[in-house]
Amino acid sequence: MARFLLKIIFMLFQNNFNFDNCIGRQTLLYGETNTGKTYYTAKFIDFLLDSNRFDPKEISILDFAPKFLDVNGIKIGGKILDFSKKSAECNYLSLNGEIIAPRLNSNNKQELFKNICHNYKITTQMLELYNKQQTKVLIMNDISIYLHLGDKKFLINTINNAPTFFGNSYYGIKIKKSFSTLLSLKEKKRVEFLINHIQNSILTSK
């Protein structure tokens, strides 16, 4: 049912959005959880592959998202590969270790900090690996995971160096714990930094 609704949302999204306009520029989708950010991003990859405009290996994918979770009806995470099997043809950067949904897998501040440190190590290594061999197209899924501890200026420089960038980030209030208020505020401000520095920034939820 959820996948069916996403397809309907995507059809409506397509009517007001042209993927052609995203080639040669930087695009950021941001919004609440379960508003199709990863789905739209995956469909952009499919669009690029179907159009044969780029060699698949010229499309780098940095997937910072945790595995898909359904917590009390709130759908969290999900990989690009969950929505685009074709994306496996691309330069899909991966490292040992799983990204952790930091708030949902924490019971206190100490566990929360441990989780964001774990994610920071993996996402930073992925960014450094990409920067050693940049490509014509850069895709990023769930950027806010990196922003919890990462260097926002390093991130925006990486984005600006890509001739075509398409990414997404969580920007909402549904994912929270009583002890995660400061992290959520920091996350919000850092995503807003991205929004202000990426001209083609699109809100996927109100």
Protein backbone atom coordinates (compact mmCIF):
# COMPACT_ATOMS: atom_id res chain seq x y z
CA MET A 1 0.00 0.00 0.00
CA ALA A 2 2.80 2.43 0.94
CA ARG A 3 4.63 1.69 -2.33
CA PHE A 4 1.39 2.27 -4.28
CA LEU A 5 0.90 5.65 -2.62
CA LEU A 6 4.48 6.61 -3.42
CA LYS A 7 3.84 5.84 -7.08
CA ILE A 8 0.80 8.12 -7.04
CA ILE A 9 2.82 10.86 -5.36
CA PHE A 10 5.56 10.41 -7.93
CA MET A 11 3.08 10.78 -10.79
CA LEU A 12 1.82 14.03 -9.29
CA PHE A 13 5.40 15.11 -8.64
CA GLN A 14 6.34 14.44 -12.29
CA ASN A 15 3.55 16.71 -13.50
CA ASN A 16 5.22 19.66 -11.77
CA PHE A 17 8.84 18.59 -12.01
CA ASN A 18 11.16 17.96 -14.94
CA PHE A 19 14.19 15.77 -14.33
CA ASP A 20 15.81 17.31 -17.42
CA ASN A 21 16.09 20.55 -15.47
CA CYS A 22 18.18 18.79 -12.81
CA ILE A 23 21.01 17.91 -15.18
CA GLY A 24 23.92 20.30 -14.91
CA ARG A 25 22.85 21.76 -11.56
CA GLN A 26 22.57 20.95 -7.86
CA THR A 27 19.20 19.73 -6.54
CA LEU A 28 18.18 18.97 -2.96
CA LEU A 29 14.93 17.36 -1.84
CA TYR A 30 14.12 17.90 1.82
CA GLY A 31 11.15 17.12 4.01
CA GLU A 32 9.47 14.92 6.58
CA THR A 33 9.93 11.17 6.69
CA ASN A 34 7.91 9.06 4.25
CA THR A 35 7.35 11.85 1.72
CA GLY A 36 9.10 10.15 -1.18
CA LYS A 37 12.57 11.73 -0.99
CA THR A 38 14.46 8.49 -1.59
CA TYR A 39 11.88 7.33 -4.12
CA TYR A 40 12.23 10.52 -6.19
CA THR A 41 16.02 10.27 -5.98
CA ALA A 42 15.94 6.67 -7.21
CA LYS A 43 13.66 7.66 -10.09
CA PHE A 44 16.13 10.37 -11.11
CA ILE A 45 18.80 7.68 -11.35
CA ASP A 46 16.47 5.54 -13.48
CA PHE A 47 15.83 8.58 -15.68
CA LEU A 48 19.56 9.11 -16.21
CA LEU A 49 20.16 5.45 -17.03
CA ASP A 50 17.17 5.17 -19.36
CA SER A 51 18.18 8.31 -21.24
CA ASN A 52 21.73 6.96 -21.83
CA ARG A 53 23.17 10.41 -21.17
CA PHE A 54 25.84 9.12 -18.84
CA ASP A 55 27.90 6.00 -18.48
CA PRO A 56 26.57 4.26 -15.33
CA LYS A 57 30.02 4.46 -13.76
CA GLU A 58 29.90 8.25 -14.12
CA ILE A 59 27.01 8.24 -11.64
CA SER A 60 28.26 7.94 -8.07
CA ILE A 61 25.83 7.04 -5.29
CA LEU A 62 26.56 7.78 -1.65
CA ASP A 63 23.82 6.13 0.36
CA PHE A 64 23.82 7.32 3.97
CA ALA A 65 20.41 5.91 4.82
CA PRO A 66 19.80 3.18 7.40
CA LYS A 67 17.88 0.09 6.37
CA PHE A 68 14.13 0.54 6.07
CA LEU A 69 12.31 0.58 9.42
CA ASP A 70 8.66 0.81 10.36
CA VAL A 71 8.37 2.14 13.91
CA ASN A 72 4.82 2.60 15.17
CA GLY A 73 3.66 3.37 11.66
CA ILE A 74 6.49 5.83 10.98
CA LYS A 75 8.54 4.69 8.00
CA ILE A 76 12.23 5.48 8.38
CA GLY A 77 15.19 5.05 6.06
CA GLY A 78 15.41 2.89 2.99
CA LYS A 79 18.21 2.48 0.48
CA ILE A 80 18.30 3.67 -3.12
CA LEU A 81 18.49 0.01 -4.14
CA ASP A 82 15.11 -0.57 -2.50
CA PHE A 83 13.54 1.66 -5.16
CA SER A 84 15.91 1.29 -8.12
CA LYS A 85 17.43 -2.07 -8.98
CA LYS A 86 19.13 -0.38 -11.94
CA SER A 87 21.19 1.73 -9.54
CA ALA A 88 23.41 -1.31 -8.95
CA GLU A 89 24.90 -0.55 -12.38
CA CYS A 90 26.23 2.77 -11.08
CA ASN A 91 29.29 3.60 -9.00
CA TYR A 92 27.51 2.62 -5.76
CA LEU A 93 30.03 3.40 -3.03
CA SER A 94 29.80 1.16 0.00
CA LEU A 95 31.92 0.34 3.02
CA ASN A 96 31.87 -2.26 5.73
CA GLY A 97 29.42 -1.41 8.51
CA GLU A 98 25.75 -0.49 8.55
CA ILE A 99 24.36 3.00 9.01
CA ILE A 100 22.30 3.17 12.22
CA ALA A 101 19.08 5.16 12.65
CA PRO A 102 20.63 7.09 15.57
CA ARG A 103 17.60 8.24 17.54
CA LEU A 104 15.44 5.18 17.08
CA ASN A 105 18.28 2.87 18.12
CA SER A 106 19.13 4.80 21.28
CA ASN A 107 17.79 4.63 24.82
CA ASN A 108 19.80 7.53 26.21
CA LYS A 109 22.19 10.34 25.23
CA GLN A 110 25.25 8.11 25.52
CA GLU A 111 23.88 5.58 23.03
CA LEU A 112 22.76 8.40 20.74
CA PHE A 113 26.26 9.88 20.65
CA LYS A 114 27.78 6.46 20.03
CA ASN A 115 25.45 5.94 17.08
CA ILE A 116 26.13 9.30 15.44
CA CYS A 117 29.88 8.75 15.86
CA HIS A 118 29.52 5.36 14.19
CA ASN A 119 27.62 6.92 11.27
CA TYR A 120 30.04 9.83 11.01
CA LYS A 121 32.98 7.47 10.52
CA ILE A 122 31.27 5.57 7.70
CA THR A 123 29.82 8.58 5.88
CA THR A 124 33.08 10.54 6.09
CA GLN A 125 35.01 7.63 4.60
CA MET A 126 32.47 7.46 1.78
CA LEU A 127 32.83 11.16 1.03
CA GLU A 128 36.62 10.96 1.12
CA LEU A 129 36.54 7.95 -1.19
CA TYR A 130 34.32 9.81 -3.65
CA ASN A 131 36.51 12.92 -3.59
CA LYS A 132 39.51 10.86 -4.66
CA GLN A 133 37.70 10.02 -7.90
CA GLN A 134 34.85 12.40 -8.60
CA THR A 135 32.30 11.71 -11.32
CA LYS A 136 29.97 13.73 -13.54
CA VAL A 137 26.92 12.90 -11.41
CA LEU A 138 26.75 12.67 -7.63
CA ILE A 139 23.75 11.22 -5.81
CA MET A 140 23.37 11.38 -2.02
CA ASN A 141 20.65 9.71 0.02
CA ASP A 142 19.77 10.84 3.57
CA ILE A 143 22.37 13.59 3.92
CA SER A 144 21.26 14.58 7.43
CA ILE A 145 22.92 11.41 8.76
CA TYR A 146 26.30 12.89 7.82
CA LEU A 147 25.40 16.36 9.06
CA HIS A 148 24.89 15.17 12.65
CA LEU A 149 28.67 15.43 13.13
CA GLY A 150 30.09 16.12 9.69
CA ASP A 151 31.70 19.23 8.23
CA LYS A 152 29.00 21.15 6.40
CA LYS A 153 31.51 23.20 4.39
CA PHE A 154 33.33 20.07 3.24
CA LEU A 155 29.97 18.66 2.21
CA ILE A 156 28.85 21.72 0.25
CA ASN A 157 32.24 21.91 -1.51
CA THR A 158 31.86 18.28 -2.56
CA ILE A 159 28.35 19.00 -3.84
CA ASN A 160 29.41 22.11 -5.75
CA ASN A 161 32.27 20.26 -7.44
CA ALA A 162 29.82 17.81 -9.02
CA PRO A 163 28.54 18.99 -12.43
CA THR A 164 25.21 17.34 -11.55
CA PHE A 165 24.13 16.71 -7.97
CA PHE A 166 20.86 15.24 -6.76
CA GLY A 167 20.38 14.50 -3.07
CA ASN A 168 17.88 14.39 -0.26
CA SER A 169 17.71 15.05 3.43
CA TYR A 170 15.36 14.51 6.32
CA TYR A 171 13.86 17.79 7.56
CA GLY A 172 11.04 17.21 10.00
CA ILE A 173 9.83 16.58 13.54
CA LYS A 174 8.51 13.01 13.56
CA ILE A 175 11.82 11.28 14.35
CA LYS A 176 12.56 12.18 17.94
CA LYS A 177 13.32 10.99 21.44
CA SER A 178 13.10 12.92 24.71
CA PHE A 179 16.92 13.07 24.90
CA SER A 180 17.53 14.00 21.25
CA THR A 181 16.30 17.61 21.24
CA LEU A 182 19.74 19.18 20.79
CA LEU A 183 20.62 16.81 17.96
CA SER A 184 17.34 17.61 16.19
CA LEU A 185 17.97 21.36 16.49
CA LYS A 186 21.50 20.97 15.14
CA GLU A 187 20.22 18.80 12.32
CA LYS A 188 17.56 21.39 11.40
CA LYS A 189 20.07 24.26 11.26
CA ARG A 190 22.55 22.28 9.21
CA VAL A 191 19.94 21.19 6.69
CA GLU A 192 18.84 24.81 6.43
CA PHE A 193 22.47 25.68 5.64
CA LEU A 194 22.28 23.25 2.72
CA ILE A 195 18.92 24.65 1.59
CA ASN A 196 20.39 28.16 1.56
CA HIS A 197 23.42 27.04 -0.46
CA ILE A 198 21.68 24.81 -3.00
CA GLN A 199 19.55 26.92 -5.32
CA ASN A 200 17.30 24.12 -6.55
CA SER A 201 16.04 23.01 -3.11
CA ILE A 202 12.59 21.46 -3.07
CA LEU A 203 10.37 20.74 -0.06
CA THR A 204 8.58 17.40 -0.35
CA SER A 205 6.22 18.01 2.59
CA LYS A 206 4.42 20.91 4.17
